[in-house]
Amino acid sequence: GYLAPAYRLAGEGALPGDLARESWWRTRPPRDDLDAFLAAHFLTDYASRAPLLVLGHPGSGKSLLTRLL
């Protein structure tokens, strides 16, 4: 089965340079509700108007997550 990892969230106001810096991500609080977050997100009108970008290191489970969605 899929074990939902802890994650950090960046809003639409994040700058592209922020997303590339590990130090910036460390300032974002870790979250452990990925399943609830995704379920709530996909039920919003916003989800149909803007992409959800999933970032992570190699082997962090991005491909498996997209297959499960």
N, C-alpha and C. Protein backbone atom coordinates (compact mmCIF):
# COMPACT_ATOMS: atom_id res chain seq x y z
N GLY A 1 0.80 -1.18 0.00
CA GLY A 1 0.00 0.00 0.00
C GLY A 1 0.85 1.25 0.00
N TYR A 2 0.19 2.35 -0.12
CA TYR A 2 0.86 3.65 -0.17
C TYR A 2 0.84 4.26 1.22
N LEU A 3 2.00 4.62 1.73
CA LEU A 3 2.11 5.33 2.99
C LEU A 3 2.28 6.81 2.69
N ALA A 4 1.30 7.59 3.04
CA ALA A 4 1.36 9.03 2.74
C ALA A 4 2.49 9.67 3.53
N PRO A 5 3.40 10.33 2.84
CA PRO A 5 4.52 10.97 3.52
C PRO A 5 4.14 12.31 4.13
N ALA A 6 4.98 12.78 5.04
CA ALA A 6 4.84 14.16 5.49
C ALA A 6 5.17 15.05 4.30
N TYR A 7 4.64 16.24 4.29
CA TYR A 7 4.86 17.15 3.16
C TYR A 7 4.87 18.57 3.66
N ARG A 8 5.30 19.47 2.78
CA ARG A 8 5.27 20.90 3.07
C ARG A 8 4.53 21.57 1.92
N LEU A 9 3.78 22.59 2.24
CA LEU A 9 2.90 23.22 1.27
C LEU A 9 3.38 24.64 0.95
N ALA A 10 3.40 24.96 -0.33
CA ALA A 10 3.70 26.32 -0.77
C ALA A 10 2.46 26.84 -1.49
N GLY A 11 2.02 28.02 -1.14
CA GLY A 11 0.87 28.61 -1.79
C GLY A 11 1.23 29.24 -3.12
N GLU A 12 0.23 29.75 -3.80
CA GLU A 12 0.46 30.33 -5.12
C GLU A 12 1.31 31.59 -5.07
N GLY A 13 1.52 32.15 -3.91
CA GLY A 13 2.35 33.34 -3.78
C GLY A 13 3.84 33.05 -3.68
N ALA A 14 4.21 31.78 -3.63
CA ALA A 14 5.63 31.43 -3.53
C ALA A 14 6.35 31.82 -4.83
N LEU A 15 7.53 32.34 -4.68
CA LEU A 15 8.32 32.73 -5.85
C LEU A 15 9.06 31.52 -6.41
N PRO A 16 9.26 31.47 -7.73
CA PRO A 16 9.97 30.33 -8.33
C PRO A 16 11.32 30.06 -7.68
N GLY A 17 12.05 31.11 -7.33
CA GLY A 17 13.33 30.92 -6.68
C GLY A 17 13.21 30.26 -5.31
N ASP A 18 12.09 30.54 -4.63
CA ASP A 18 11.85 29.91 -3.32
C ASP A 18 11.75 28.40 -3.48
N LEU A 19 11.01 27.97 -4.48
CA LEU A 19 10.74 26.55 -4.65
C LEU A 19 12.00 25.74 -4.89
N ALA A 20 13.05 26.37 -5.38
CA ALA A 20 14.30 25.67 -5.68
C ALA A 20 15.26 25.64 -4.50
N ARG A 21 14.93 26.31 -3.42
CA ARG A 21 15.86 26.40 -2.28
C ARG A 21 15.41 25.52 -1.12
N GLU A 22 16.25 24.58 -0.73
CA GLU A 22 15.96 23.72 0.43
C GLU A 22 15.76 24.56 1.69
N SER A 23 16.54 25.63 1.83
CA SER A 23 16.43 26.47 3.03
C SER A 23 15.04 27.09 3.14
N TRP A 24 14.44 27.45 2.02
CA TRP A 24 13.09 28.02 2.06
C TRP A 24 12.08 26.96 2.50
N TRP A 25 12.22 25.75 1.98
CA TRP A 25 11.29 24.68 2.35
C TRP A 25 11.36 24.36 3.84
N ARG A 26 12.54 24.49 4.43
CA ARG A 26 12.67 24.21 5.87
C ARG A 26 11.90 25.22 6.70
N THR A 27 11.56 26.39 6.14
CA THR A 27 10.76 27.37 6.88
C THR A 27 9.28 27.04 6.84
N ARG A 28 8.88 26.15 5.97
CA ARG A 28 7.47 25.76 5.84
C ARG A 28 7.18 24.65 6.84
N PRO A 29 6.10 24.72 7.58
CA PRO A 29 5.82 23.67 8.58
C PRO A 29 5.48 22.34 7.91
N PRO A 30 6.00 21.24 8.45
CA PRO A 30 5.64 19.93 7.89
C PRO A 30 4.19 19.59 8.22
N ARG A 31 3.55 18.89 7.31
CA ARG A 31 2.16 18.46 7.50
C ARG A 31 2.09 16.96 7.31
N ASP A 32 1.09 16.34 7.92
CA ASP A 32 0.96 14.88 7.81
C ASP A 32 -0.45 14.45 7.41
N ASP A 33 -1.15 15.32 6.71
CA ASP A 33 -2.53 15.04 6.31
C ASP A 33 -2.69 15.05 4.79
N LEU A 34 -1.76 14.42 4.08
CA LEU A 34 -1.77 14.50 2.61
C LEU A 34 -3.09 14.00 2.03
N ASP A 35 -3.62 12.90 2.53
CA ASP A 35 -4.87 12.38 1.99
C ASP A 35 -6.02 13.37 2.18
N ALA A 36 -6.13 13.96 3.36
CA ALA A 36 -7.19 14.93 3.62
C ALA A 36 -6.98 16.20 2.80
N PHE A 37 -5.73 16.65 2.68
CA PHE A 37 -5.46 17.85 1.89
C PHE A 37 -5.85 17.64 0.43
N LEU A 38 -5.43 16.51 -0.15
CA LEU A 38 -5.75 16.26 -1.57
C LEU A 38 -7.25 16.12 -1.79
N ALA A 39 -7.93 15.42 -0.89
CA ALA A 39 -9.38 15.26 -1.03
C ALA A 39 -10.07 16.62 -0.98
N ALA A 40 -9.69 17.46 -0.04
CA ALA A 40 -10.29 18.79 0.08
C ALA A 40 -9.95 19.64 -1.14
N HIS A 41 -8.71 19.58 -1.58
CA HIS A 41 -8.28 20.38 -2.73
C HIS A 41 -9.06 20.02 -3.99
N PHE A 42 -9.17 18.73 -4.28
CA PHE A 42 -9.83 18.31 -5.52
C PHE A 42 -11.32 18.58 -5.52
N LEU A 43 -11.90 18.88 -4.38
CA LEU A 43 -13.32 19.22 -4.32
C LEU A 43 -13.58 20.72 -4.51
N THR A 44 -12.52 21.50 -4.65
CA THR A 44 -12.69 22.94 -4.82
C THR A 44 -12.76 23.32 -6.29
N ASP A 45 -13.36 24.45 -6.57
CA ASP A 45 -13.38 24.99 -7.93
C ASP A 45 -11.97 25.36 -8.38
N TYR A 46 -11.16 25.79 -7.44
CA TYR A 46 -9.78 26.19 -7.74
C TYR A 46 -9.00 25.05 -8.39
N ALA A 47 -9.25 23.82 -7.99
CA ALA A 47 -8.53 22.67 -8.53
C ALA A 47 -8.75 22.51 -10.03
N SER A 48 -9.86 22.99 -10.54
CA SER A 48 -10.12 22.88 -11.98
C SER A 48 -9.53 24.05 -12.77
N ARG A 49 -9.03 25.07 -12.07
CA ARG A 49 -8.50 26.26 -12.74
C ARG A 49 -6.99 26.40 -12.65
N ALA A 50 -6.35 25.70 -11.74
CA ALA A 50 -4.91 25.86 -11.55
C ALA A 50 -4.28 24.49 -11.28
N PRO A 51 -3.09 24.27 -11.78
CA PRO A 51 -2.46 22.97 -11.58
C PRO A 51 -1.97 22.80 -10.14
N LEU A 52 -1.90 21.56 -9.73
CA LEU A 52 -1.28 21.20 -8.46
C LEU A 52 0.10 20.66 -8.81
N LEU A 53 1.12 21.33 -8.35
CA LEU A 53 2.49 20.96 -8.67
C LEU A 53 3.06 20.14 -7.53
N VAL A 54 3.53 18.94 -7.84
CA VAL A 54 4.13 18.06 -6.83
C VAL A 54 5.63 18.02 -7.06
N LEU A 55 6.38 18.46 -6.07
CA LEU A 55 7.84 18.47 -6.15
C LEU A 55 8.41 17.50 -5.13
N GLY A 56 9.57 16.95 -5.43
CA GLY A 56 10.22 16.07 -4.46
C GLY A 56 11.51 15.52 -5.03
N HIS A 57 12.33 15.03 -4.14
CA HIS A 57 13.59 14.42 -4.55
C HIS A 57 13.32 13.11 -5.29
N PRO A 58 14.29 12.63 -6.08
CA PRO A 58 14.14 11.33 -6.74
C PRO A 58 13.83 10.24 -5.71
N GLY A 59 12.87 9.41 -6.04
CA GLY A 59 12.51 8.31 -5.15
C GLY A 59 11.59 8.68 -4.01
N SER A 60 11.06 9.90 -4.01
CA SER A 60 10.21 10.33 -2.89
C SER A 60 8.75 9.91 -3.04
N GLY A 61 8.38 9.30 -4.17
CA GLY A 61 7.02 8.79 -4.32
C GLY A 61 6.11 9.60 -5.21
N LYS A 62 6.66 10.54 -5.98
CA LYS A 62 5.82 11.38 -6.85
C LYS A 62 5.09 10.55 -7.90
N SER A 63 5.79 9.64 -8.55
CA SER A 63 5.18 8.83 -9.61
C SER A 63 4.10 7.92 -9.04
N LEU A 64 4.37 7.30 -7.91
CA LEU A 64 3.37 6.43 -7.29
C LEU A 64 2.14 7.24 -6.89
N LEU A 65 2.35 8.42 -6.35
CA LEU A 65 1.22 9.28 -5.97
C LEU A 65 0.36 9.59 -7.19
N THR A 66 0.96 9.95 -8.31
CA THR A 66 0.16 10.28 -9.49
C THR A 66 -0.58 9.06 -10.02
N ARG A 67 -0.01 7.88 -9.89
CA ARG A 67 -0.73 6.66 -10.31
C ARG A 67 -1.93 6.41 -9.42
N LEU A 68 -1.81 6.69 -8.14
CA LEU A 68 -2.91 6.47 -7.21
C LEU A 68 -4.03 7.49 -7.39
N LEU A 69 -3.68 8.68 -7.84
CA LEU A 69 -4.70 9.71 -8.03
C LEU A 69 -5.53 9.37 -9.24
